Amino acid sequence: MRAQALAALARREHSRQELQRKLKVRGHPEEDISALIDDLAVQRLQSDERYVEVYIRSRAERGYGPQRIAQELKQRGVEAALIKAAMDDAECDWLSLAARADRKKFGSSTDRSALALAKRRRHLEYRGYPPDQIKSVLNGEHELD
């Protein structure tokens, strides 16, 4: 069981809940899984804090916004306090990332029709950007370098 956990962690970071689920699916008893993960955490081989940092950076680089990333982390069993702290500490310029996501999808479109703006707004909402950042991007208040 330890070898399976280490193999999973060697491929990528896992949250505690993800690792528990993977080991449980393989038929290991829950009390053994909890003890193993506690041991891995003490040895710093499994860390929810590190997992959250890596996850935020990875998803932000792919154009996702803070709201969506936080929701995905919550679904992966990460505690809300840890998510909030990591999001506050994240060195992301969310406005620039929103502008980049908009530019990637729509290019340097000059179409200011209500239909075009609604389409761009929906795209950024889906990506997880908050309304104030979307408004700023759509109003052209933030340009990419």
C-alpha atoms as a PDB file:
ATOM      1  CA  MET A   1       0.000   0.000   0.000  1.00  0.00           C
ATOM      2  CA  ARG A   2       2.831   2.411   0.841  1.00  0.00           C
ATOM      3  CA  ALA A   3       4.448   1.730  -2.536  1.00  0.00           C
ATOM      4  CA  GLN A   4       1.168   2.555  -4.297  1.00  0.00           C
ATOM      5  CA  ALA A   5       0.817   5.803  -2.373  1.00  0.00           C
ATOM      6  CA  LEU A   6       4.415   6.809  -3.098  1.00  0.00           C
ATOM      7  CA  ALA A   7       3.997   5.949  -6.774  1.00  0.00           C
ATOM      8  CA  ALA A   8       0.925   8.200  -6.977  1.00  0.00           C
ATOM      9  CA  LEU A   9       2.748  11.014  -5.178  1.00  0.00           C
ATOM     10  CA  ALA A  10       5.773  10.605  -7.431  1.00  0.00           C
ATOM     11  CA  ARG A  11       3.604  11.306 -10.492  1.00  0.00           C
ATOM     12  CA  ARG A  12       1.996  14.444  -9.041  1.00  0.00           C
ATOM     13  CA  GLU A  13       0.871  16.042  -5.798  1.00  0.00           C
ATOM     14  CA  HIS A  14      -2.353  14.625  -4.334  1.00  0.00           C
ATOM     15  CA  SER A  15      -4.660  16.010  -1.685  1.00  0.00           C
ATOM     16  CA  ARG A  16      -5.231  13.825   1.343  1.00  0.00           C
ATOM     17  CA  GLN A  17      -8.746  13.000   0.147  1.00  0.00           C
ATOM     18  CA  GLU A  18      -7.587  12.074  -3.371  1.00  0.00           C
ATOM     19  CA  LEU A  19      -4.946   9.739  -2.003  1.00  0.00           C
ATOM     20  CA  GLN A  20      -7.439   8.160   0.409  1.00  0.00           C
ATOM     21  CA  ARG A  21      -9.902   7.574  -2.438  1.00  0.00           C
ATOM     22  CA  LYS A  22      -7.257   6.009  -4.691  1.00  0.00           C
ATOM     23  CA  LEU A  23      -6.068   3.630  -2.001  1.00  0.00           C
ATOM     24  CA  LYS A  24      -9.613   2.749  -0.932  1.00  0.00           C
ATOM     25  CA  VAL A  25     -10.531   1.821  -4.519  1.00  0.00           C
ATOM     26  CA  ARG A  26      -7.618  -0.617  -4.451  1.00  0.00           C
ATOM     27  CA  GLY A  27      -9.240  -2.391  -1.501  1.00  0.00           C
ATOM     28  CA  HIS A  28      -7.133  -1.195   1.411  1.00  0.00           C
ATOM     29  CA  PRO A  29      -8.827  -0.750   4.829  1.00  0.00           C
ATOM     30  CA  GLU A  30      -9.629   2.861   5.744  1.00  0.00           C
ATOM     31  CA  GLU A  31      -7.881   2.790   9.113  1.00  0.00           C
ATOM     32  CA  ASP A  32      -4.642   1.603   7.448  1.00  0.00           C
ATOM     33  CA  ILE A  33      -4.991   4.289   4.784  1.00  0.00           C
ATOM     34  CA  SER A  34      -5.431   7.053   7.368  1.00  0.00           C
ATOM     35  CA  ALA A  35      -2.408   5.876   9.336  1.00  0.00           C
ATOM     36  CA  LEU A  36      -0.285   5.695   6.193  1.00  0.00           C
ATOM     37  CA  ILE A  37      -1.289   9.165   5.010  1.00  0.00           C
ATOM     38  CA  ASP A  38      -0.639  10.592   8.484  1.00  0.00           C
ATOM     39  CA  ASP A  39       2.847   9.050   8.324  1.00  0.00           C
ATOM     40  CA  LEU A  40       3.437  10.438   4.816  1.00  0.00           C
ATOM     41  CA  ALA A  41       2.323  13.887   5.986  1.00  0.00           C
ATOM     42  CA  VAL A  42       4.719  13.797   8.945  1.00  0.00           C
ATOM     43  CA  GLN A  43       7.531  12.946   6.504  1.00  0.00           C
ATOM     44  CA  ARG A  44       6.329  15.816   4.229  1.00  0.00           C
ATOM     45  CA  LEU A  45       5.776  13.384   1.359  1.00  0.00           C
ATOM     46  CA  GLN A  46       2.094  14.330   1.253  1.00  0.00           C
ATOM     47  CA  SER A  47       1.084  17.916   1.913  1.00  0.00           C
ATOM     48  CA  ASP A  48      -2.262  19.552   1.241  1.00  0.00           C
ATOM     49  CA  GLU A  49      -0.556  22.964   1.434  1.00  0.00           C
ATOM     50  CA  ARG A  50       1.923  22.039  -1.296  1.00  0.00           C
ATOM     51  CA  TYR A  51      -0.849  20.418  -3.339  1.00  0.00           C
ATOM     52  CA  VAL A  52      -2.924  23.606  -3.211  1.00  0.00           C
ATOM     53  CA  GLU A  53       0.018  25.813  -4.224  1.00  0.00           C
ATOM     54  CA  VAL A  54       0.871  23.614  -7.202  1.00  0.00           C
ATOM     55  CA  TYR A  55      -2.789  23.292  -8.207  1.00  0.00           C
ATOM     56  CA  ILE A  56      -3.418  27.047  -8.139  1.00  0.00           C
ATOM     57  CA  ARG A  57      -0.312  27.782 -10.185  1.00  0.00           C
ATOM     58  CA  SER A  58      -1.104  25.057 -12.712  1.00  0.00           C
ATOM     59  CA  ARG A  59      -4.726  26.050 -13.256  1.00  0.00           C
ATOM     60  CA  ALA A  60      -3.929  29.778 -13.372  1.00  0.00           C
ATOM     61  CA  GLU A  61      -1.353  29.129 -16.098  1.00  0.00           C
ATOM     62  CA  ARG A  62      -4.105  27.401 -18.079  1.00  0.00           C
ATOM     63  CA  GLY A  63      -6.310  30.483 -17.910  1.00  0.00           C
ATOM     64  CA  TYR A  64      -8.643  29.629 -15.049  1.00  0.00           C
ATOM     65  CA  GLY A  65      -9.754  32.238 -12.549  1.00  0.00           C
ATOM     66  CA  PRO A  66      -9.762  32.281  -8.764  1.00  0.00           C
ATOM     67  CA  GLN A  67     -13.420  31.360  -8.286  1.00  0.00           C
ATOM     68  CA  ARG A  68     -13.218  28.236 -10.431  1.00  0.00           C
ATOM     69  CA  ILE A  69      -9.901  27.140  -8.937  1.00  0.00           C
ATOM     70  CA  ALA A  70     -11.279  27.532  -5.399  1.00  0.00           C
ATOM     71  CA  GLN A  71     -14.376  25.512  -6.311  1.00  0.00           C
ATOM     72  CA  GLU A  72     -12.284  22.727  -7.853  1.00  0.00           C
ATOM     73  CA  LEU A  73     -10.113  22.550  -4.738  1.00  0.00           C
ATOM     74  CA  LYS A  74     -13.201  22.357  -2.553  1.00  0.00           C
ATOM     75  CA  GLN A  75     -14.464  19.454  -4.668  1.00  0.00           C
ATOM     76  CA  ARG A  76     -11.126  17.724  -4.139  1.00  0.00           C
ATOM     77  CA  GLY A  77     -11.621  17.807  -0.375  1.00  0.00           C
ATOM     78  CA  VAL A  78      -9.335  20.684   0.557  1.00  0.00           C
ATOM     79  CA  GLU A  79     -10.383  22.696   3.611  1.00  0.00           C
ATOM     80  CA  ALA A  80     -11.887  26.119   2.921  1.00  0.00           C
ATOM     81  CA  ALA A  81      -9.445  27.905   5.247  1.00  0.00           C
ATOM     82  CA  LEU A  82      -6.478  26.396   3.410  1.00  0.00           C
ATOM     83  CA  ILE A  83      -7.956  27.377   0.041  1.00  0.00           C
ATOM     84  CA  LYS A  84      -8.543  30.956   1.174  1.00  0.00           C
ATOM     85  CA  ALA A  85      -5.046  31.305   2.627  1.00  0.00           C
ATOM     86  CA  ALA A  86      -3.418  29.887  -0.498  1.00  0.00           C
ATOM     87  CA  MET A  87      -5.506  32.076  -2.815  1.00  0.00           C
ATOM     88  CA  ASP A  88      -4.554  35.147  -0.772  1.00  0.00           C
ATOM     89  CA  ASP A  89      -0.872  34.176  -0.942  1.00  0.00           C
ATOM     90  CA  ALA A  90      -0.929  33.253  -4.642  1.00  0.00           C
ATOM     91  CA  GLU A  91       1.286  35.530  -6.655  1.00  0.00           C
ATOM     92  CA  CYS A  92      -1.123  35.735  -9.567  1.00  0.00           C
ATOM     93  CA  ASP A  93      -2.143  38.833 -11.436  1.00  0.00           C
ATOM     94  CA  TRP A  94      -5.709  37.644 -11.950  1.00  0.00           C
ATOM     95  CA  LEU A  95      -6.631  40.639 -14.084  1.00  0.00           C
ATOM     96  CA  SER A  96      -3.792  39.958 -16.522  1.00  0.00           C
ATOM     97  CA  LEU A  97      -4.727  36.291 -16.609  1.00  0.00           C
ATOM     98  CA  ALA A  98      -8.356  37.198 -17.366  1.00  0.00           C
ATOM     99  CA  ALA A  99      -7.242  39.506 -20.175  1.00  0.00           C
ATOM    100  CA  ARG A 100      -4.995  36.764 -21.564  1.00  0.00           C
ATOM    101  CA  ALA A 101      -7.830  34.206 -21.455  1.00  0.00           C
ATOM    102  CA  ASP A 102     -10.085  36.663 -23.282  1.00  0.00           C
ATOM    103  CA  ARG A 103      -7.431  37.437 -25.888  1.00  0.00           C
ATOM    104  CA  LYS A 104      -6.669  33.749 -26.437  1.00  0.00           C
ATOM    105  CA  LYS A 105     -10.310  32.930 -27.131  1.00  0.00           C
ATOM    106  CA  PHE A 106     -11.419  36.045 -28.990  1.00  0.00           C
ATOM    107  CA  GLY A 107      -8.215  37.590 -30.334  1.00  0.00           C
ATOM    108  CA  SER A 108      -8.071  41.355 -30.521  1.00  0.00           C
ATOM    109  CA  SER A 109     -11.757  41.600 -31.404  1.00  0.00           C
ATOM    110  CA  THR A 110     -13.147  45.108 -31.747  1.00  0.00           C
ATOM    111  CA  ASP A 111     -16.761  43.892 -31.874  1.00  0.00           C
ATOM    112  CA  ARG A 112     -18.558  45.816 -29.104  1.00  0.00           C
ATOM    113  CA  SER A 113     -22.057  44.514 -29.844  1.00  0.00           C
ATOM    114  CA  ALA A 114     -24.134  43.306 -26.919  1.00  0.00           C
ATOM    115  CA  LEU A 115     -24.041  39.757 -28.300  1.00  0.00           C
ATOM    116  CA  ALA A 116     -20.233  39.715 -28.604  1.00  0.00           C
ATOM    117  CA  LEU A 117     -19.731  41.200 -25.122  1.00  0.00           C
ATOM    118  CA  ALA A 118     -22.181  38.695 -23.614  1.00  0.00           C
ATOM    119  CA  LYS A 119     -20.291  35.850 -25.253  1.00  0.00           C
ATOM    120  CA  ARG A 120     -16.975  37.111 -23.885  1.00  0.00           C
ATOM    121  CA  ARG A 121     -18.528  37.642 -20.439  1.00  0.00           C
ATOM    122  CA  ARG A 122     -19.909  34.079 -20.355  1.00  0.00           C
ATOM    123  CA  HIS A 123     -16.533  32.693 -21.357  1.00  0.00           C
ATOM    124  CA  LEU A 124     -14.743  34.534 -18.538  1.00  0.00           C
ATOM    125  CA  GLU A 125     -17.452  33.592 -16.030  1.00  0.00           C
ATOM    126  CA  TYR A 126     -17.059  29.934 -17.002  1.00  0.00           C
ATOM    127  CA  ARG A 127     -13.318  30.269 -16.546  1.00  0.00           C
ATOM    128  CA  GLY A 128     -13.943  31.489 -12.989  1.00  0.00           C
ATOM    129  CA  TYR A 129     -13.173  35.193 -13.028  1.00  0.00           C
ATOM    130  CA  PRO A 130     -15.115  37.529 -10.724  1.00  0.00           C
ATOM    131  CA  PRO A 131     -17.464  40.183 -12.163  1.00  0.00           C
ATOM    132  CA  ASP A 132     -15.181  43.154 -11.412  1.00  0.00           C
ATOM    133  CA  GLN A 133     -12.292  41.616 -13.361  1.00  0.00           C
ATOM    134  CA  ILE A 134     -14.580  40.654 -16.253  1.00  0.00           C
ATOM    135  CA  LYS A 135     -15.926  44.195 -16.407  1.00  0.00           C
ATOM    136  CA  SER A 136     -12.412  45.613 -16.449  1.00  0.00           C
ATOM    137  CA  VAL A 137     -11.323  43.299 -19.280  1.00  0.00           C
ATOM    138  CA  LEU A 138     -14.442  43.921 -21.368  1.00  0.00           C
ATOM    139  CA  ASN A 139     -14.153  47.695 -20.922  1.00  0.00           C
ATOM    140  CA  GLY A 140     -10.589  47.510 -22.187  1.00  0.00           C
ATOM    141  CA  GLU A 141      -9.217  48.905 -18.935  1.00  0.00           C
ATOM    142  CA  HIS A 142      -6.514  46.245 -18.859  1.00  0.00           C
ATOM    143  CA  GLU A 143      -4.304  45.559 -21.830  1.00  0.00           C
ATOM    144  CA  LEU A 144      -1.742  42.811 -22.159  1.00  0.00           C
ATOM    145  CA  ASP A 145       1.931  43.668 -22.436  1.00  0.00           C
END
